[in-house]
C-alpha atoms as a PDB file:
ATOM      1  CA  UNK A   1      -9.262 -25.588 -23.447  1.00  0.00           C
ATOM      2  CA  UNK A   2      -6.376 -23.188 -23.783  1.00  0.00           C
ATOM      3  CA  UNK A   3      -4.061 -23.077 -26.755  1.00  0.00           C
ATOM      4  CA  UNK A   4      -0.662 -21.447 -26.372  1.00  0.00           C
ATOM      5  CA  UNK A   5       1.735 -20.341 -29.079  1.00  0.00           C
ATOM      6  CA  UNK A   6       5.212 -19.024 -28.327  1.00  0.00           C
ATOM      7  CA  UNK A   7       7.178 -16.755 -30.602  1.00  0.00           C
ATOM      8  CA  UNK A   8      10.182 -14.466 -30.534  1.00  0.00           C
ATOM      9  CA  UNK A   9      12.998 -16.941 -30.197  1.00  0.00           C
ATOM     10  CA  UNK A  10      16.119 -16.776 -32.263  1.00  0.00           C
ATOM     11  CA  UNK A  11      19.871 -16.462 -32.287  1.00  0.00           C
ATOM     12  CA  UNK A  12      21.509 -13.752 -30.230  1.00  0.00           C
ATOM     13  CA  UNK A  13      25.029 -12.987 -29.077  1.00  0.00           C
ATOM     14  CA  UNK A  14      25.984 -13.156 -25.435  1.00  0.00           C
ATOM     15  CA  UNK A  15      24.936 -10.000 -23.667  1.00  0.00           C
ATOM     16  CA  UNK A  16      22.065  -9.420 -26.037  1.00  0.00           C
ATOM     17  CA  UNK A  17      18.328  -9.410 -25.523  1.00  0.00           C
ATOM     18  CA  UNK A  18      15.233 -11.153 -26.797  1.00  0.00           C
ATOM     19  CA  UNK A  19      11.564 -10.859 -25.997  1.00  0.00           C
ATOM     20  CA  UNK A  20       9.382 -13.923 -26.148  1.00  0.00           C
ATOM     21  CA  UNK A  21       5.631 -13.815 -26.550  1.00  0.00           C
ATOM     22  CA  UNK A  22       3.007 -16.346 -25.558  1.00  0.00           C
ATOM     23  CA  UNK A  23      -0.339 -15.887 -27.242  1.00  0.00           C
ATOM     24  CA  UNK A  24      -3.299 -17.706 -25.734  1.00  0.00           C
ATOM     25  CA  UNK A  25      -6.716 -18.599 -27.049  1.00  0.00           C
ATOM     26  CA  UNK A  26      -9.639 -20.859 -26.253  1.00  0.00           C
ATOM     27  CA  UNK A  27     -10.530 -19.732 -22.737  1.00  0.00           C
ATOM     28  CA  UNK A  28     -10.277 -16.579 -20.688  1.00  0.00           C
ATOM     29  CA  UNK A  29      -6.557 -16.058 -20.352  1.00  0.00           C
ATOM     30  CA  UNK A  30      -6.843 -13.892 -17.278  1.00  0.00           C
ATOM     31  CA  UNK A  31      -8.165 -16.805 -15.239  1.00  0.00           C
ATOM     32  CA  UNK A  32      -4.953 -18.760 -15.666  1.00  0.00           C
ATOM     33  CA  UNK A  33      -1.572 -18.590 -14.052  1.00  0.00           C
ATOM     34  CA  UNK A  34       1.117 -18.492 -16.706  1.00  0.00           C
ATOM     35  CA  UNK A  35       4.752 -19.475 -16.545  1.00  0.00           C
ATOM     36  CA  UNK A  36       7.798 -19.851 -18.715  1.00  0.00           C
ATOM     37  CA  UNK A  37       9.908 -22.973 -18.634  1.00  0.00           C
ATOM     38  CA  UNK A  38      12.949 -23.913 -20.629  1.00  0.00           C
ATOM     39  CA  UNK A  39      14.686 -27.100 -21.616  1.00  0.00           C
ATOM     40  CA  UNK A  40      18.251 -27.305 -22.835  1.00  0.00           C
ATOM     41  CA  UNK A  41      19.655 -30.355 -24.620  1.00  0.00           C
ATOM     42  CA  UNK A  42      20.248 -33.132 -22.144  1.00  0.00           C
ATOM     43  CA  UNK A  43      18.610 -31.173 -19.350  1.00  0.00           C
ATOM     44  CA  UNK A  44      15.336 -31.459 -17.529  1.00  0.00           C
ATOM     45  CA  UNK A  45      12.695 -28.854 -18.145  1.00  0.00           C
ATOM     46  CA  UNK A  46      13.213 -26.077 -15.629  1.00  0.00           C
ATOM     47  CA  UNK A  47      11.196 -23.225 -14.289  1.00  0.00           C
ATOM     48  CA  UNK A  48      12.055 -19.734 -15.474  1.00  0.00           C
ATOM     49  CA  UNK A  49       9.369 -17.296 -14.367  1.00  0.00           C
ATOM     50  CA  UNK A  50       5.696 -17.052 -13.545  1.00  0.00           C
ATOM     51  CA  UNK A  51       3.133 -14.321 -13.150  1.00  0.00           C
ATOM     52  CA  UNK A  52       0.029 -14.228 -11.004  1.00  0.00           C
ATOM     53  CA  UNK A  53      -3.375 -12.883 -11.874  1.00  0.00           C
ATOM     54  CA  UNK A  54      -4.380 -11.454  -8.507  1.00  0.00           C
ATOM     55  CA  UNK A  55      -1.994  -8.675  -7.641  1.00  0.00           C
ATOM     56  CA  UNK A  56       0.124  -9.170 -10.725  1.00  0.00           C
ATOM     57  CA  UNK A  57       2.954 -10.685  -8.727  1.00  0.00           C
ATOM     58  CA  UNK A  58       5.947 -12.286 -10.365  1.00  0.00           C
ATOM     59  CA  UNK A  59       8.437 -14.917  -9.358  1.00  0.00           C
ATOM     60  CA  UNK A  60      11.721 -15.857 -10.997  1.00  0.00           C
ATOM     61  CA  UNK A  61      14.236 -18.609 -10.891  1.00  0.00           C
ATOM     62  CA  UNK A  62      17.465 -17.499  -9.265  1.00  0.00           C
ATOM     63  CA  UNK A  63      19.330 -18.128 -12.489  1.00  0.00           C
ATOM     64  CA  UNK A  64      17.395 -15.431 -14.345  1.00  0.00           C
ATOM     65  CA  UNK A  65      16.485 -13.003 -11.581  1.00  0.00           C
ATOM     66  CA  UNK A  66      17.530  -9.496 -12.455  1.00  0.00           C
ATOM     67  CA  UNK A  67      17.912 -10.348 -16.135  1.00  0.00           C
ATOM     68  CA  UNK A  68      14.482 -11.592 -17.201  1.00  0.00           C
ATOM     69  CA  UNK A  69      11.126  -9.910 -16.780  1.00  0.00           C
ATOM     70  CA  UNK A  70       7.754 -11.585 -17.171  1.00  0.00           C
ATOM     71  CA  UNK A  71       4.664  -9.543 -17.912  1.00  0.00           C
ATOM     72  CA  UNK A  72       1.162 -10.082 -19.206  1.00  0.00           C
ATOM     73  CA  UNK A  73      -1.396  -8.181 -21.189  1.00  0.00           C
ATOM     74  CA  UNK A  74      -4.767  -9.762 -20.519  1.00  0.00           C
ATOM     75  CA  UNK A  75      -6.490  -7.602 -23.114  1.00  0.00           C
ATOM     76  CA  UNK A  76      -4.244  -9.188 -25.726  1.00  0.00           C
ATOM     77  CA  UNK A  77      -4.221 -12.628 -24.095  1.00  0.00           C
ATOM     78  CA  UNK A  78      -0.457 -12.493 -24.220  1.00  0.00           C
ATOM     79  CA  UNK A  79       2.375 -13.091 -21.790  1.00  0.00           C
ATOM     80  CA  UNK A  80       5.872 -11.828 -22.456  1.00  0.00           C
ATOM     81  CA  UNK A  81       9.321 -12.764 -21.306  1.00  0.00           C
ATOM     82  CA  UNK A  82      11.890 -10.027 -21.731  1.00  0.00           C
ATOM     83  CA  UNK A  83      15.346 -11.561 -21.588  1.00  0.00           C
ATOM     84  CA  UNK A  84      18.353  -9.310 -21.124  1.00  0.00           C
ATOM     85  CA  UNK A  85      22.039  -9.999 -20.581  1.00  0.00           C
ATOM     86  CA  UNK A  86      21.698 -13.372 -22.205  1.00  0.00           C
ATOM     87  CA  UNK A  87      24.480 -15.894 -21.879  1.00  0.00           C
ATOM     88  CA  UNK A  88      25.084 -19.265 -23.526  1.00  0.00           C
ATOM     89  CA  UNK A  89      23.621 -21.026 -20.481  1.00  0.00           C
ATOM     90  CA  UNK A  90      20.266 -19.525 -21.451  1.00  0.00           C
ATOM     91  CA  UNK A  91      20.240 -21.521 -24.670  1.00  0.00           C
ATOM     92  CA  UNK A  92      17.161 -23.732 -24.607  1.00  0.00           C
ATOM     93  CA  UNK A  93      13.721 -24.296 -25.985  1.00  0.00           C
ATOM     94  CA  UNK A  94      11.440 -21.953 -24.096  1.00  0.00           C
ATOM     95  CA  UNK A  95       7.900 -23.051 -23.348  1.00  0.00           C
ATOM     96  CA  UNK A  96       4.885 -21.123 -22.220  1.00  0.00           C
ATOM     97  CA  UNK A  97       2.567 -22.946 -19.842  1.00  0.00           C
ATOM     98  CA  UNK A  98      -0.761 -22.192 -18.196  1.00  0.00           C
ATOM     99  CA  UNK A  99      -2.888 -23.643 -15.446  1.00  0.00           C
ATOM    100  CA  UNK A 100      -6.074 -22.817 -13.635  1.00  0.00           C
ATOM    101  CA  UNK A 101      -5.429 -21.380 -10.229  1.00  0.00           C
ATOM    102  CA  UNK A 102      -2.321 -20.213  -8.464  1.00  0.00           C
ATOM    103  CA  UNK A 103       1.136 -20.066  -9.930  1.00  0.00           C
ATOM    104  CA  UNK A 104       3.510 -22.973  -9.587  1.00  0.00           C
ATOM    105  CA  UNK A 105       7.152 -23.653 -10.307  1.00  0.00           C
ATOM    106  CA  UNK A 106       6.991 -27.317 -11.295  1.00  0.00           C
ATOM    107  CA  UNK A 107       6.200 -28.106 -14.887  1.00  0.00           C
ATOM    108  CA  UNK A 108       3.929 -30.999 -13.981  1.00  0.00           C
ATOM    109  CA  UNK A 109       1.551 -28.544 -12.358  1.00  0.00           C
ATOM    110  CA  UNK A 110       0.730 -26.984 -15.720  1.00  0.00           C
ATOM    111  CA  UNK A 111      -1.862 -28.489 -18.002  1.00  0.00           C
ATOM    112  CA  UNK A 112      -1.553 -26.324 -21.109  1.00  0.00           C
ATOM    113  CA  UNK A 113       1.646 -25.962 -23.087  1.00  0.00           C
ATOM    114  CA  UNK A 114       2.881 -24.337 -26.218  1.00  0.00           C
ATOM    115  CA  UNK A 115       5.192 -26.134 -28.595  1.00  0.00           C
ATOM    116  CA  UNK A 116       8.176 -24.008 -27.646  1.00  0.00           C
ATOM    117  CA  UNK A 117      10.475 -21.506 -29.279  1.00  0.00           C
ATOM    118  CA  UNK A 118      14.215 -21.944 -29.633  1.00  0.00           C
ATOM    119  CA  UNK A 119      16.570 -19.455 -28.022  1.00  0.00           C
ATOM    120  CA  UNK A 120      20.229 -19.794 -28.913  1.00  0.00           C
ATOM    121  CA  UNK A 121      22.879 -17.580 -27.349  1.00  0.00           C
ATOM    122  CA  UNK A 122      26.317 -17.604 -28.919  1.00  0.00           C
ATOM    123  CA  UNK A 123      29.535 -16.938 -27.034  1.00  0.00           C
END
């Protein structure tokens, strides 16, 4: 099975940037589709971004498109989420998720999850 550990969260002012990392172990990371989700207090867990294996394609939620960039380094078994132009609405716990097969945008499609990393954006 796959184990995922997120890191890189923290406190940042509005307009600032953070880069999250998702380190994977246990199984070949390159065989999995990986996504980032986030969950703010009182909100449902929502899709943020995902990255494919074949072709290296990416897909983003409209709310983060143009500001966030997802990337992966299979040699390091790591997926990154570069977050720029952060605003308070981005405040949430960010989760890395993985699944066998194609990418998906619903959290229930993912079988492996990290424990999350907190991102807080101040006004």
